Amino acid sequence: MIVLALDPGHTTGWAVLTEEKVVATGLFAGYDGVPDLLVGYEPDMAVMEDFILYPWRSQALAWNQLRTVQYLGVMKYLLDEAEISYVLQQAVLVKKLSKRLIGKYSSQHERDAVTHGIVYLQRQGLATKELRHLIWRRDD
């Protein structure tokens, strides 16, 4: 199974994973790179970080254009058009775990995308031990 993992935002982090390994990672602006990733890697499914507006953050985002939400909507559309199913995961699932990838990937957005992909594969019972151990300690 080929999974495309996306951490949407002004700078979007992406990762392509299989059950065994991280195949590729990178960054692009907004949603610009999604079409090329769909053609280049032909993913079986996608996992994306969802946007949740928490009440305690709502005032700080007053008058914000919420570009991340707009990018997420375009990504959903592109995946729908390509007939690729996707799931949304909350950021809280990966933020702590992605810190374990510091030094392996250059940006927080890439680390979050990789972690979203691993968490998804783990929840499906598909991630190999080697892939899981990128973010979970051996004794977790």
N, C-alpha and C. Protein backbone atom coordinates (compact mmCIF):
# COMPACT_ATOMS: atom_id res chain seq x y z
N MET A 1 0.85 -1.18 0.00
CA MET A 1 0.00 0.00 0.00
C MET A 1 0.89 1.24 0.00
N ILE A 2 0.56 2.19 -0.85
CA ILE A 2 1.27 3.46 -0.90
C ILE A 2 0.37 4.52 -0.28
N VAL A 3 0.89 5.20 0.74
CA VAL A 3 0.14 6.21 1.47
C VAL A 3 0.79 7.57 1.23
N LEU A 4 -0.01 8.56 0.87
CA LEU A 4 0.43 9.93 0.78
C LEU A 4 -0.03 10.64 2.04
N ALA A 5 0.91 11.16 2.82
CA ALA A 5 0.59 11.88 4.05
C ALA A 5 0.87 13.36 3.85
N LEU A 6 -0.08 14.20 4.25
CA LEU A 6 0.02 15.64 4.04
C LEU A 6 -0.20 16.40 5.35
N ASP A 7 0.65 17.40 5.56
CA ASP A 7 0.51 18.34 6.67
C ASP A 7 0.24 19.70 6.03
N PRO A 8 -1.06 20.02 5.77
CA PRO A 8 -1.39 21.20 4.99
C PRO A 8 -1.10 22.51 5.71
N GLY A 9 -0.75 23.50 4.90
CA GLY A 9 -0.52 24.85 5.41
C GLY A 9 0.10 25.71 4.33
N HIS A 10 0.51 26.91 4.72
CA HIS A 10 1.19 27.80 3.77
C HIS A 10 2.38 27.05 3.17
N THR A 11 3.12 26.36 4.03
CA THR A 11 4.13 25.40 3.59
C THR A 11 3.59 24.02 3.96
N THR A 12 3.34 23.20 2.96
CA THR A 12 2.78 21.88 3.19
C THR A 12 3.89 20.84 3.20
N GLY A 13 3.90 20.05 4.26
CA GLY A 13 4.83 18.93 4.32
C GLY A 13 4.15 17.70 3.76
N TRP A 14 4.92 16.87 3.07
CA TRP A 14 4.35 15.64 2.51
C TRP A 14 5.32 14.48 2.71
N ALA A 15 4.75 13.30 2.73
CA ALA A 15 5.54 12.08 2.82
C ALA A 15 4.80 10.99 2.06
N VAL A 16 5.55 10.15 1.40
CA VAL A 16 5.02 8.95 0.77
C VAL A 16 5.60 7.77 1.53
N LEU A 17 4.71 6.90 2.00
CA LEU A 17 5.13 5.75 2.79
C LEU A 17 4.52 4.46 2.27
N THR A 18 5.19 3.37 2.58
CA THR A 18 4.62 2.04 2.43
C THR A 18 4.59 1.45 3.84
N GLU A 19 4.13 0.23 3.96
CA GLU A 19 4.08 -0.42 5.27
C GLU A 19 5.47 -0.59 5.85
N GLU A 20 6.50 -0.63 5.01
CA GLU A 20 7.86 -0.90 5.45
C GLU A 20 8.74 0.32 5.64
N LYS A 21 8.47 1.40 4.88
CA LYS A 21 9.44 2.50 4.90
C LYS A 21 8.84 3.83 4.45
N VAL A 22 9.60 4.88 4.73
CA VAL A 22 9.31 6.21 4.20
C VAL A 22 10.02 6.28 2.85
N VAL A 23 9.25 6.46 1.80
CA VAL A 23 9.79 6.45 0.44
C VAL A 23 10.37 7.81 0.07
N ALA A 24 9.65 8.89 0.38
CA ALA A 24 10.10 10.23 0.01
C ALA A 24 9.37 11.25 0.88
N THR A 25 9.99 12.40 1.05
CA THR A 25 9.36 13.51 1.78
C THR A 25 9.71 14.81 1.08
N GLY A 26 8.99 15.86 1.43
CA GLY A 26 9.30 17.16 0.88
C GLY A 26 8.34 18.23 1.34
N LEU A 27 8.47 19.38 0.71
CA LEU A 27 7.65 20.56 1.03
C LEU A 27 7.20 21.20 -0.27
N PHE A 28 6.05 21.86 -0.22
CA PHE A 28 5.61 22.71 -1.32
C PHE A 28 4.70 23.79 -0.75
N ALA A 29 4.40 24.78 -1.57
CA ALA A 29 3.54 25.88 -1.14
C ALA A 29 2.08 25.48 -1.28
N GLY A 30 1.30 25.69 -0.21
CA GLY A 30 -0.14 25.45 -0.26
C GLY A 30 -0.48 24.05 -0.70
N TYR A 31 -1.15 23.95 -1.85
CA TYR A 31 -1.55 22.65 -2.40
C TYR A 31 -0.87 22.38 -3.74
N ASP A 32 0.07 23.23 -4.13
CA ASP A 32 0.66 23.19 -5.48
C ASP A 32 1.25 21.84 -5.88
N GLY A 33 1.83 21.12 -4.95
CA GLY A 33 2.50 19.88 -5.31
C GLY A 33 1.63 18.64 -5.35
N VAL A 34 0.38 18.76 -4.91
CA VAL A 34 -0.48 17.57 -4.82
C VAL A 34 -0.66 16.87 -6.17
N PRO A 35 -0.99 17.58 -7.26
CA PRO A 35 -1.17 16.87 -8.53
C PRO A 35 0.06 16.06 -8.96
N ASP A 36 1.25 16.63 -8.79
CA ASP A 36 2.46 15.91 -9.17
C ASP A 36 2.68 14.68 -8.31
N LEU A 37 2.36 14.76 -7.03
CA LEU A 37 2.50 13.61 -6.13
C LEU A 37 1.53 12.50 -6.51
N LEU A 38 0.32 12.87 -6.89
CA LEU A 38 -0.68 11.87 -7.28
C LEU A 38 -0.25 11.13 -8.54
N VAL A 39 0.33 11.85 -9.48
CA VAL A 39 0.79 11.23 -10.73
C VAL A 39 2.08 10.46 -10.50
N GLY A 40 3.00 11.04 -9.76
CA GLY A 40 4.32 10.44 -9.59
C GLY A 40 4.36 9.20 -8.71
N TYR A 41 3.50 9.17 -7.67
CA TYR A 41 3.55 8.06 -6.72
C TYR A 41 2.31 7.15 -6.76
N GLU A 42 1.25 7.59 -7.41
CA GLU A 42 0.01 6.82 -7.51
C GLU A 42 -0.39 6.20 -6.16
N PRO A 43 -0.64 7.06 -5.15
CA PRO A 43 -0.98 6.52 -3.83
C PRO A 43 -2.31 5.78 -3.83
N ASP A 44 -2.39 4.80 -2.94
CA ASP A 44 -3.63 4.06 -2.76
C ASP A 44 -4.61 4.82 -1.88
N MET A 45 -4.07 5.63 -1.00
CA MET A 45 -4.91 6.45 -0.12
C MET A 45 -4.06 7.59 0.43
N ALA A 46 -4.74 8.53 1.10
CA ALA A 46 -4.05 9.68 1.68
C ALA A 46 -4.52 9.90 3.11
N VAL A 47 -3.64 10.46 3.89
CA VAL A 47 -3.97 10.87 5.25
C VAL A 47 -3.51 12.32 5.40
N MET A 48 -4.38 13.15 5.99
CA MET A 48 -4.08 14.57 6.12
C MET A 48 -4.37 15.04 7.53
N GLU A 49 -3.59 16.04 7.94
CA GLU A 49 -3.88 16.66 9.23
C GLU A 49 -5.11 17.54 9.07
N ASP A 50 -6.07 17.34 9.94
CA ASP A 50 -7.30 18.12 9.91
C ASP A 50 -7.06 19.48 10.55
N PHE A 51 -7.92 20.43 10.24
CA PHE A 51 -7.87 21.74 10.88
C PHE A 51 -9.02 21.82 11.87
N ILE A 52 -8.68 22.00 13.12
CA ILE A 52 -9.66 22.14 14.19
C ILE A 52 -9.46 23.51 14.82
N LEU A 53 -10.51 24.29 14.88
CA LEU A 53 -10.43 25.60 15.54
C LEU A 53 -10.84 25.44 16.99
N TYR A 54 -9.85 25.42 17.85
CA TYR A 54 -10.10 25.26 19.28
C TYR A 54 -10.63 26.58 19.85
N PRO A 55 -11.59 26.51 20.77
CA PRO A 55 -12.19 27.74 21.32
C PRO A 55 -11.15 28.71 21.90
N TRP A 56 -10.14 28.19 22.55
CA TRP A 56 -9.14 29.06 23.18
C TRP A 56 -8.22 29.72 22.15
N ARG A 57 -8.26 29.28 20.90
CA ARG A 57 -7.46 29.88 19.84
C ARG A 57 -8.30 30.76 18.91
N SER A 58 -9.62 30.74 19.07
CA SER A 58 -10.48 31.42 18.12
C SER A 58 -10.25 32.93 18.10
N GLN A 59 -10.04 33.54 19.24
CA GLN A 59 -9.81 34.99 19.27
C GLN A 59 -8.52 35.36 18.55
N ALA A 60 -7.49 34.54 18.70
CA ALA A 60 -6.21 34.82 18.05
C ALA A 60 -6.32 34.74 16.53
N LEU A 61 -7.33 34.03 16.04
CA LEU A 61 -7.50 33.89 14.60
C LEU A 61 -8.58 34.82 14.02
N ALA A 62 -9.03 35.77 14.83
CA ALA A 62 -10.02 36.74 14.33
C ALA A 62 -9.44 37.46 13.11
N TRP A 63 -10.23 37.58 12.08
CA TRP A 63 -9.90 38.23 10.82
C TRP A 63 -8.87 37.44 10.00
N ASN A 64 -8.54 36.25 10.42
CA ASN A 64 -7.61 35.40 9.68
C ASN A 64 -8.35 34.79 8.49
N GLN A 65 -7.70 34.70 7.36
CA GLN A 65 -8.34 34.13 6.16
C GLN A 65 -8.37 32.61 6.18
N LEU A 66 -7.77 32.00 7.18
CA LEU A 66 -7.78 30.54 7.34
C LEU A 66 -7.34 29.83 6.06
N ARG A 67 -6.20 30.23 5.55
CA ARG A 67 -5.67 29.65 4.31
C ARG A 67 -5.49 28.13 4.42
N THR A 68 -5.08 27.66 5.60
CA THR A 68 -4.89 26.22 5.76
C THR A 68 -6.18 25.46 5.47
N VAL A 69 -7.30 26.02 5.91
CA VAL A 69 -8.60 25.39 5.64
C VAL A 69 -8.88 25.39 4.14
N GLN A 70 -8.54 26.49 3.48
CA GLN A 70 -8.74 26.56 2.04
C GLN A 70 -7.87 25.54 1.31
N TYR A 71 -6.60 25.43 1.72
CA TYR A 71 -5.71 24.45 1.09
C TYR A 71 -6.22 23.03 1.32
N LEU A 72 -6.69 22.77 2.52
CA LEU A 72 -7.23 21.45 2.85
C LEU A 72 -8.42 21.12 1.96
N GLY A 73 -9.28 22.09 1.72
CA GLY A 73 -10.43 21.89 0.84
C GLY A 73 -10.02 21.56 -0.58
N VAL A 74 -9.01 22.26 -1.10
CA VAL A 74 -8.53 21.97 -2.45
C VAL A 74 -7.91 20.58 -2.50
N MET A 75 -7.16 20.21 -1.47
CA MET A 75 -6.55 18.87 -1.43
C MET A 75 -7.63 17.79 -1.43
N LYS A 76 -8.69 18.00 -0.66
CA LYS A 76 -9.80 17.03 -0.65
C LYS A 76 -10.40 16.91 -2.05
N TYR A 77 -10.60 18.04 -2.70
CA TYR A 77 -11.15 18.04 -4.05
C TYR A 77 -10.26 17.27 -5.02
N LEU A 78 -8.95 17.55 -4.97
CA LEU A 78 -8.02 16.87 -5.88
C LEU A 78 -8.01 15.35 -5.63
N LEU A 79 -8.05 14.96 -4.38
CA LEU A 79 -8.10 13.53 -4.05
C LEU A 79 -9.41 12.90 -4.51
N ASP A 80 -10.52 13.61 -4.31
CA ASP A 80 -11.81 13.11 -4.78
C ASP A 80 -11.80 12.93 -6.30
N GLU A 81 -11.28 13.91 -7.01
CA GLU A 81 -11.23 13.83 -8.47
C GLU A 81 -10.37 12.67 -8.94
N ALA A 82 -9.30 12.35 -8.19
CA ALA A 82 -8.42 11.25 -8.54
C ALA A 82 -8.94 9.91 -8.01
N GLU A 83 -10.09 9.96 -7.34
CA GLU A 83 -10.72 8.78 -6.75
C GLU A 83 -9.79 8.07 -5.76
N ILE A 84 -9.14 8.90 -4.93
CA ILE A 84 -8.26 8.39 -3.87
C ILE A 84 -8.93 8.71 -2.54
N SER A 85 -9.17 7.67 -1.76
CA SER A 85 -9.80 7.90 -0.46
C SER A 85 -8.79 8.53 0.49
N TYR A 86 -9.32 9.24 1.49
CA TYR A 86 -8.44 9.90 2.46
C TYR A 86 -9.09 9.87 3.83
N VAL A 87 -8.24 10.03 4.83
CA VAL A 87 -8.70 10.18 6.20
C VAL A 87 -8.06 11.43 6.76
N LEU A 88 -8.74 12.02 7.73
CA LEU A 88 -8.23 13.20 8.43
C LEU A 88 -7.85 12.78 9.85
N GLN A 89 -6.73 13.28 10.32
CA GLN A 89 -6.28 13.00 11.68
C GLN A 89 -6.01 14.31 12.39
N GLN A 90 -6.24 14.32 13.68
CA GLN A 90 -6.00 15.53 14.46
C GLN A 90 -4.50 15.74 14.69
N ALA A 91 -4.11 16.99 14.77
CA ALA A 91 -2.71 17.34 14.98
C ALA A 91 -2.19 16.78 16.30
N VAL A 92 -3.06 16.72 17.29
CA VAL A 92 -2.64 16.27 18.61
C VAL A 92 -2.08 14.85 18.57
N LEU A 93 -2.46 14.06 17.58
CA LEU A 93 -1.96 12.69 17.45
C LEU A 93 -0.47 12.64 17.15
N VAL A 94 0.06 13.67 16.51
CA VAL A 94 1.44 13.57 16.02
C VAL A 94 2.44 14.56 16.60
N LYS A 95 1.99 15.63 17.18
CA LYS A 95 2.93 16.70 17.57
C LYS A 95 4.03 16.21 18.51
N LYS A 96 3.68 15.43 19.50
CA LYS A 96 4.69 14.94 20.45
C LYS A 96 5.57 13.88 19.79
N LEU A 97 4.96 12.96 19.06
CA LEU A 97 5.71 11.88 18.43
C LEU A 97 6.65 12.39 17.35
N SER A 98 6.26 13.44 16.62
CA SER A 98 7.09 13.92 15.51
C SER A 98 8.40 14.51 16.00
N LYS A 99 8.48 14.90 17.26
CA LYS A 99 9.74 15.43 17.80
C LYS A 99 10.84 14.38 17.77
N ARG A 100 10.45 13.12 17.75
CA ARG A 100 11.45 12.04 17.70
C ARG A 100 12.13 11.95 16.35
N LEU A 101 11.63 12.69 15.37
CA LEU A 101 12.22 12.67 14.03
C LEU A 101 13.14 13.86 13.78
N ILE A 102 13.36 14.70 14.80
CA ILE A 102 14.27 15.85 14.65
C ILE A 102 15.64 15.31 14.27
N GLY A 103 16.22 15.90 13.27
CA GLY A 103 17.51 15.45 12.78
C GLY A 103 17.39 14.51 11.59
N LYS A 104 16.23 13.89 11.43
CA LYS A 104 16.03 12.98 10.29
C LYS A 104 15.38 13.70 9.11
N TYR A 105 14.58 14.72 9.41
CA TYR A 105 13.90 15.49 8.37
C TYR A 105 14.09 16.96 8.67
N SER A 106 14.21 17.77 7.62
CA SER A 106 14.63 19.16 7.78
C SER A 106 13.58 20.09 8.35
N SER A 107 12.31 19.77 8.21
CA SER A 107 11.29 20.71 8.68
C SER A 107 10.24 20.02 9.54
N GLN A 108 9.61 20.81 10.36
CA GLN A 108 8.53 20.30 11.21
C GLN A 108 7.38 19.79 10.36
N HIS A 109 7.13 20.43 9.23
CA HIS A 109 6.04 20.00 8.35
C HIS A 109 6.29 18.60 7.77
N GLU A 110 7.54 18.33 7.39
CA GLU A 110 7.88 16.99 6.90
C GLU A 110 7.74 15.97 8.03
N ARG A 111 8.24 16.32 9.21
CA ARG A 111 8.14 15.40 10.36
C ARG A 111 6.69 15.08 10.69
N ASP A 112 5.83 16.10 10.65
CA ASP A 112 4.41 15.87 10.93
C ASP A 112 3.77 14.98 9.87
N ALA A 113 4.12 15.19 8.60
CA ALA A 113 3.56 14.35 7.53
C ALA A 113 4.00 12.90 7.71
N VAL A 114 5.29 12.68 7.96
CA VAL A 114 5.79 11.32 8.17
C VAL A 114 5.06 10.67 9.34
N THR A 115 4.91 11.42 10.43
CA THR A 115 4.27 10.87 11.62
C THR A 115 2.81 10.55 11.36
N HIS A 116 2.11 11.42 10.64
CA HIS A 116 0.71 11.11 10.28
C HIS A 116 0.63 9.80 9.49
N GLY A 117 1.54 9.62 8.56
CA GLY A 117 1.53 8.39 7.78
C GLY A 117 1.79 7.16 8.63
N ILE A 118 2.77 7.24 9.52
CA ILE A 118 3.08 6.10 10.39
C ILE A 118 1.92 5.80 11.33
N VAL A 119 1.35 6.84 11.94
CA VAL A 119 0.22 6.64 12.85
C VAL A 119 -0.94 5.98 12.11
N TYR A 120 -1.23 6.44 10.91
CA TYR A 120 -2.31 5.83 10.14
C TYR A 120 -2.03 4.34 9.88
N LEU A 121 -0.84 4.04 9.37
CA LEU A 121 -0.50 2.65 9.07
C LEU A 121 -0.53 1.78 10.33
N GLN A 122 -0.08 2.34 11.45
CA GLN A 122 -0.11 1.61 12.71
C GLN A 122 -1.55 1.31 13.13
N ARG A 123 -2.42 2.29 13.02
CA ARG A 123 -3.82 2.09 13.41
C ARG A 123 -4.52 1.05 12.53
N GLN A 124 -4.03 0.89 11.30
CA GLN A 124 -4.60 -0.11 10.40
C GLN A 124 -3.94 -1.48 10.60
N GLY A 125 -2.95 -1.53 11.47
CA GLY A 125 -2.23 -2.78 11.70
C GLY A 125 -1.29 -3.15 10.56
N LEU A 126 -0.84 -2.15 9.81
CA LEU A 126 -0.03 -2.40 8.62
C LEU A 126 1.44 -2.01 8.76
N ALA A 127 1.78 -1.16 9.71
CA ALA A 127 3.15 -0.67 9.83
C ALA A 127 4.08 -1.76 10.37
N THR A 128 5.21 -1.94 9.71
CA THR A 128 6.20 -2.89 10.21
C THR A 128 6.85 -2.34 11.47
N LYS A 129 7.51 -3.22 12.18
CA LYS A 129 8.19 -2.83 13.42
C LYS A 129 9.23 -1.74 13.14
N GLU A 130 9.96 -1.87 12.05
CA GLU A 130 10.99 -0.88 11.70
C GLU A 130 10.37 0.50 11.46
N LEU A 131 9.24 0.53 10.80
CA LEU A 131 8.57 1.81 10.55
C LEU A 131 8.03 2.39 11.84
N ARG A 132 7.38 1.58 12.66
CA ARG A 132 6.84 2.05 13.94
C ARG A 132 7.93 2.62 14.83
N HIS A 133 9.10 2.01 14.81
CA HIS A 133 10.17 2.43 15.71
C HIS A 133 10.80 3.77 15.33
N LEU A 134 10.42 4.32 14.19
CA LEU A 134 10.87 5.67 13.86
C LEU A 134 10.29 6.68 14.84
N ILE A 135 9.07 6.44 15.32
CA ILE A 135 8.43 7.42 16.21
C ILE A 135 8.13 6.88 17.60
N TRP A 136 8.05 5.55 17.74
CA TRP A 136 7.80 4.98 19.06
C TRP A 136 9.08 4.34 19.55
N ARG A 137 9.35 4.53 20.82
CA ARG A 137 10.50 3.85 21.41
C ARG A 137 10.21 2.36 21.44
N ARG A 138 11.23 1.59 21.53
CA ARG A 138 11.10 0.13 21.54
C ARG A 138 10.25 -0.36 22.70
N ASP A 139 10.21 0.40 23.78
CA ASP A 139 9.44 -0.04 24.95
C ASP A 139 8.08 0.62 25.04
N ASP A 140 7.69 1.40 24.02
CA ASP A 140 6.35 2.05 24.03
C ASP A 140 5.27 1.05 23.73
